[in-house]
N, C-alpha and C. Protein backbone atom coordinates (compact mmCIF):
# COMPACT_ATOMS: atom_id res chain seq x y z
N MET A 1 123.32 -32.91 -69.66
CA MET A 1 121.87 -32.99 -69.52
C MET A 1 121.39 -34.33 -70.07
N VAL A 2 120.48 -34.96 -69.32
CA VAL A 2 119.87 -36.21 -69.77
C VAL A 2 118.36 -36.04 -69.71
N THR A 3 117.67 -36.72 -70.62
CA THR A 3 116.21 -36.69 -70.62
C THR A 3 115.69 -38.11 -70.78
N GLN A 4 114.49 -38.33 -70.28
CA GLN A 4 113.86 -39.64 -70.40
C GLN A 4 112.36 -39.44 -70.48
N LYS A 5 111.75 -40.00 -71.53
CA LYS A 5 110.29 -39.98 -71.62
C LYS A 5 109.76 -41.20 -70.89
N VAL A 6 108.69 -40.99 -70.14
CA VAL A 6 108.13 -42.04 -69.31
C VAL A 6 106.61 -42.00 -69.41
N VAL A 7 106.01 -43.16 -69.59
CA VAL A 7 104.56 -43.27 -69.48
C VAL A 7 104.26 -43.62 -68.03
N VAL A 8 103.50 -42.78 -67.38
CA VAL A 8 103.21 -42.95 -65.95
C VAL A 8 102.29 -44.14 -65.76
N THR A 9 102.74 -45.09 -64.94
CA THR A 9 101.93 -46.28 -64.67
C THR A 9 101.43 -46.32 -63.23
N GLU A 10 101.80 -45.33 -62.44
CA GLU A 10 101.24 -45.20 -61.09
C GLU A 10 99.72 -45.14 -61.27
N PRO A 11 98.94 -46.08 -60.69
CA PRO A 11 97.51 -46.18 -60.98
C PRO A 11 96.70 -44.90 -60.85
N LEU A 12 97.00 -44.06 -59.88
CA LEU A 12 96.25 -42.82 -59.72
C LEU A 12 96.99 -41.61 -60.24
N GLY A 13 98.05 -41.82 -61.01
CA GLY A 13 98.83 -40.71 -61.52
C GLY A 13 99.63 -40.06 -60.39
N LEU A 14 99.98 -38.81 -60.59
CA LEU A 14 100.76 -38.10 -59.55
C LEU A 14 99.83 -37.26 -58.69
N HIS A 15 98.96 -37.95 -57.94
CA HIS A 15 98.16 -37.25 -56.94
C HIS A 15 99.07 -36.93 -55.76
N LEU A 16 98.55 -36.43 -54.67
CA LEU A 16 99.37 -35.87 -53.61
C LEU A 16 100.46 -36.81 -53.08
N ARG A 17 100.12 -38.04 -52.77
CA ARG A 17 101.12 -38.91 -52.16
C ARG A 17 102.27 -39.26 -53.12
N PRO A 18 102.00 -39.78 -54.32
CA PRO A 18 103.13 -40.07 -55.21
C PRO A 18 103.87 -38.81 -55.67
N ALA A 19 103.16 -37.70 -55.79
CA ALA A 19 103.83 -36.44 -56.14
C ALA A 19 104.79 -36.04 -55.02
N GLY A 20 104.36 -36.26 -53.78
CA GLY A 20 105.22 -35.97 -52.64
C GLY A 20 106.45 -36.85 -52.62
N VAL A 21 106.27 -38.14 -52.91
CA VAL A 21 107.41 -39.06 -52.98
C VAL A 21 108.37 -38.62 -54.08
N PHE A 22 107.81 -38.26 -55.24
CA PHE A 22 108.62 -37.83 -56.38
C PHE A 22 109.42 -36.58 -56.02
N CYS A 23 108.77 -35.59 -55.43
CA CYS A 23 109.45 -34.35 -55.06
C CYS A 23 110.49 -34.59 -53.98
N GLU A 24 110.15 -35.38 -52.99
CA GLU A 24 111.08 -35.67 -51.91
C GLU A 24 112.34 -36.34 -52.46
N GLU A 25 112.16 -37.25 -53.39
CA GLU A 25 113.30 -37.92 -54.01
C GLU A 25 114.11 -36.93 -54.85
N SER A 26 113.42 -36.06 -55.58
CA SER A 26 114.09 -35.05 -56.41
C SER A 26 114.99 -34.15 -55.59
N LEU A 27 114.54 -33.83 -54.39
CA LEU A 27 115.31 -32.93 -53.52
C LEU A 27 116.62 -33.54 -53.03
N LYS A 28 116.78 -34.85 -53.16
CA LYS A 28 117.99 -35.52 -52.72
C LYS A 28 119.15 -35.30 -53.69
N TYR A 29 118.85 -34.80 -54.88
CA TYR A 29 119.88 -34.65 -55.91
C TYR A 29 120.28 -33.19 -56.09
N LYS A 30 121.53 -32.99 -56.45
CA LYS A 30 122.04 -31.64 -56.69
C LYS A 30 121.61 -31.12 -58.07
N SER A 31 121.32 -32.03 -58.97
CA SER A 31 120.95 -31.65 -60.34
C SER A 31 119.65 -30.86 -60.37
N ARG A 32 119.53 -30.02 -61.39
CA ARG A 32 118.26 -29.35 -61.67
C ARG A 32 117.38 -30.40 -62.33
N ILE A 33 116.16 -30.56 -61.84
CA ILE A 33 115.26 -31.59 -62.35
C ILE A 33 113.94 -30.94 -62.73
N GLN A 34 113.51 -31.23 -63.95
CA GLN A 34 112.25 -30.68 -64.45
C GLN A 34 111.41 -31.78 -65.07
N ILE A 35 110.11 -31.53 -65.13
CA ILE A 35 109.18 -32.43 -65.81
C ILE A 35 108.51 -31.65 -66.93
N ARG A 36 108.46 -32.25 -68.11
CA ARG A 36 107.74 -31.63 -69.22
C ARG A 36 106.51 -32.49 -69.51
N LYS A 37 105.35 -31.84 -69.48
CA LYS A 37 104.11 -32.49 -69.89
C LYS A 37 103.46 -31.58 -70.91
N GLY A 38 103.39 -32.07 -72.12
CA GLY A 38 102.88 -31.22 -73.20
C GLY A 38 103.81 -30.04 -73.39
N THR A 39 103.28 -28.85 -73.28
CA THR A 39 104.10 -27.65 -73.44
C THR A 39 104.54 -27.07 -72.10
N SER A 40 104.11 -27.69 -71.01
CA SER A 40 104.47 -27.20 -69.68
C SER A 40 105.80 -27.78 -69.22
N LEU A 41 106.66 -26.94 -68.67
CA LEU A 41 107.94 -27.35 -68.11
C LEU A 41 107.92 -26.93 -66.64
N LEU A 42 107.99 -27.94 -65.74
CA LEU A 42 107.78 -27.68 -64.32
C LEU A 42 108.95 -28.13 -63.48
N ASN A 43 109.15 -27.46 -62.37
CA ASN A 43 110.21 -27.80 -61.42
C ASN A 43 109.80 -29.06 -60.65
N ALA A 44 110.56 -30.14 -60.81
CA ALA A 44 110.24 -31.42 -60.16
C ALA A 44 110.50 -31.37 -58.66
N LYS A 45 111.15 -30.34 -58.17
CA LYS A 45 111.43 -30.22 -56.74
C LYS A 45 110.36 -29.41 -56.02
N SER A 46 109.32 -29.03 -56.74
CA SER A 46 108.21 -28.25 -56.18
C SER A 46 106.94 -29.09 -56.20
N ILE A 47 106.39 -29.39 -55.04
CA ILE A 47 105.16 -30.18 -54.98
C ILE A 47 104.03 -29.49 -55.73
N LEU A 48 103.94 -28.17 -55.62
CA LEU A 48 102.88 -27.46 -56.33
C LEU A 48 103.08 -27.53 -57.84
N GLY A 49 104.33 -27.48 -58.28
CA GLY A 49 104.61 -27.60 -59.71
C GLY A 49 104.22 -28.97 -60.24
N VAL A 50 104.56 -30.00 -59.50
CA VAL A 50 104.24 -31.37 -59.94
C VAL A 50 102.72 -31.58 -59.95
N LEU A 51 102.04 -31.13 -58.90
CA LEU A 51 100.59 -31.28 -58.86
C LEU A 51 99.90 -30.48 -59.96
N ALA A 52 100.46 -29.31 -60.29
CA ALA A 52 99.87 -28.47 -61.34
C ALA A 52 99.90 -29.14 -62.71
N ALA A 53 100.80 -30.08 -62.89
CA ALA A 53 100.90 -30.78 -64.18
C ALA A 53 99.72 -31.71 -64.41
N ARG A 54 99.04 -32.09 -63.33
CA ARG A 54 97.88 -33.00 -63.43
C ARG A 54 98.20 -34.25 -64.22
N VAL A 55 99.24 -34.93 -63.81
CA VAL A 55 99.69 -36.14 -64.49
C VAL A 55 98.82 -37.32 -64.06
N LYS A 56 98.24 -37.98 -65.07
CA LYS A 56 97.37 -39.13 -64.83
C LYS A 56 98.05 -40.40 -65.31
N CYS A 57 97.53 -41.53 -64.85
CA CYS A 57 98.03 -42.81 -65.32
C CYS A 57 97.87 -42.86 -66.84
N GLY A 58 98.93 -43.26 -67.52
CA GLY A 58 98.91 -43.34 -68.98
C GLY A 58 99.47 -42.11 -69.67
N ASP A 59 99.64 -41.01 -68.94
CA ASP A 59 100.23 -39.80 -69.52
C ASP A 59 101.72 -40.01 -69.77
N GLU A 60 102.20 -39.40 -70.82
CA GLU A 60 103.65 -39.42 -71.08
C GLU A 60 104.24 -38.10 -70.62
N VAL A 61 105.29 -38.18 -69.82
CA VAL A 61 106.01 -36.99 -69.39
C VAL A 61 107.49 -37.20 -69.72
N GLU A 62 108.21 -36.12 -69.73
CA GLU A 62 109.65 -36.17 -69.96
C GLU A 62 110.35 -35.62 -68.72
N ILE A 63 111.28 -36.40 -68.20
CA ILE A 63 112.10 -35.94 -67.08
C ILE A 63 113.38 -35.36 -67.66
N ILE A 64 113.77 -34.20 -67.19
CA ILE A 64 114.98 -33.54 -67.66
C ILE A 64 115.86 -33.27 -66.45
N CYS A 65 117.06 -33.83 -66.47
CA CYS A 65 118.00 -33.64 -65.35
C CYS A 65 119.30 -33.05 -65.89
N GLU A 66 119.81 -32.09 -65.15
CA GLU A 66 121.07 -31.47 -65.54
C GLU A 66 121.88 -31.17 -64.29
N GLY A 67 123.03 -31.81 -64.19
CA GLY A 67 123.89 -31.58 -63.04
C GLY A 67 124.79 -32.76 -62.74
N PRO A 68 125.49 -32.70 -61.61
CA PRO A 68 126.52 -33.69 -61.31
C PRO A 68 126.00 -35.10 -61.06
N ASP A 69 124.75 -35.24 -60.63
CA ASP A 69 124.22 -36.57 -60.35
C ASP A 69 123.00 -36.88 -61.24
N GLU A 70 123.02 -36.32 -62.45
CA GLU A 70 121.87 -36.43 -63.36
C GLU A 70 121.51 -37.87 -63.73
N GLU A 71 122.51 -38.71 -63.95
CA GLU A 71 122.23 -40.10 -64.35
C GLU A 71 121.51 -40.86 -63.24
N GLU A 72 122.00 -40.73 -62.04
CA GLU A 72 121.39 -41.41 -60.89
C GLU A 72 119.97 -40.88 -60.66
N ALA A 73 119.82 -39.57 -60.76
CA ALA A 73 118.52 -38.95 -60.53
C ALA A 73 117.49 -39.42 -61.55
N ILE A 74 117.85 -39.42 -62.81
CA ILE A 74 116.87 -39.77 -63.83
C ILE A 74 116.46 -41.24 -63.73
N GLU A 75 117.40 -42.07 -63.36
CA GLU A 75 117.09 -43.50 -63.20
C GLU A 75 116.08 -43.71 -62.07
N ARG A 76 116.33 -43.09 -60.93
CA ARG A 76 115.45 -43.25 -59.77
C ARG A 76 114.08 -42.63 -59.99
N LEU A 77 114.05 -41.44 -60.58
CA LEU A 77 112.77 -40.76 -60.79
C LEU A 77 111.92 -41.46 -61.83
N THR A 78 112.56 -42.07 -62.81
CA THR A 78 111.83 -42.87 -63.80
C THR A 78 111.14 -44.05 -63.11
N GLU A 79 111.83 -44.70 -62.19
CA GLU A 79 111.24 -45.82 -61.44
C GLU A 79 109.99 -45.37 -60.69
N ILE A 80 110.06 -44.22 -60.07
CA ILE A 80 108.92 -43.72 -59.30
C ILE A 80 107.72 -43.48 -60.21
N LEU A 81 107.94 -42.86 -61.36
CA LEU A 81 106.82 -42.58 -62.27
C LEU A 81 106.21 -43.85 -62.83
N LYS A 82 107.00 -44.90 -62.87
CA LYS A 82 106.48 -46.18 -63.35
C LYS A 82 105.80 -46.96 -62.23
N GLY A 83 105.70 -46.36 -61.05
CA GLY A 83 105.00 -46.99 -59.94
C GLY A 83 105.88 -47.87 -59.07
N ASN A 84 107.19 -47.80 -59.27
CA ASN A 84 108.11 -48.61 -58.47
C ASN A 84 108.82 -47.71 -57.47
N ASN A 85 108.11 -47.29 -56.42
CA ASN A 85 108.74 -46.43 -55.43
C ASN A 85 109.16 -47.21 -54.20
N GLU A 86 109.30 -48.51 -54.34
CA GLU A 86 109.75 -49.35 -53.22
C GLU A 86 111.26 -49.39 -53.13
N GLY A 87 111.96 -49.08 -54.21
CA GLY A 87 113.40 -49.28 -54.25
C GLY A 87 114.23 -48.15 -53.71
N GLY A 88 113.67 -47.30 -52.90
CA GLY A 88 114.40 -46.14 -52.37
C GLY A 88 115.44 -46.54 -51.35
N GLU A 89 115.49 -45.84 -50.26
CA GLU A 89 116.50 -46.10 -49.24
C GLU A 89 116.28 -47.47 -48.61
N GLN A 90 117.37 -48.10 -48.38
CA GLN A 90 117.30 -49.41 -47.75
C GLN A 90 118.02 -49.35 -46.42
N GLY A 91 117.44 -49.97 -45.40
CA GLY A 91 118.00 -49.85 -44.09
C GLY A 91 118.65 -51.04 -43.63
């Protein structure tokens, strides 16, 4: 299991579009992925769970990954929360 605390720098926080990007990326990994905000622990692979967290710019969240590709997952998901969602798939 790996964890990473991240201050969200996406200007509008995790509103629908960035939350969708985050969830879509989470679904690519076999690892169990969760987000902790305050006392809430949410499934990062659920758009409703991510939106329910009401993550705003400047909020600190913790990403928790557990599974065979946890290192890769946490690195990529951290980038997205920091507003760098350009580095995904390359064609």
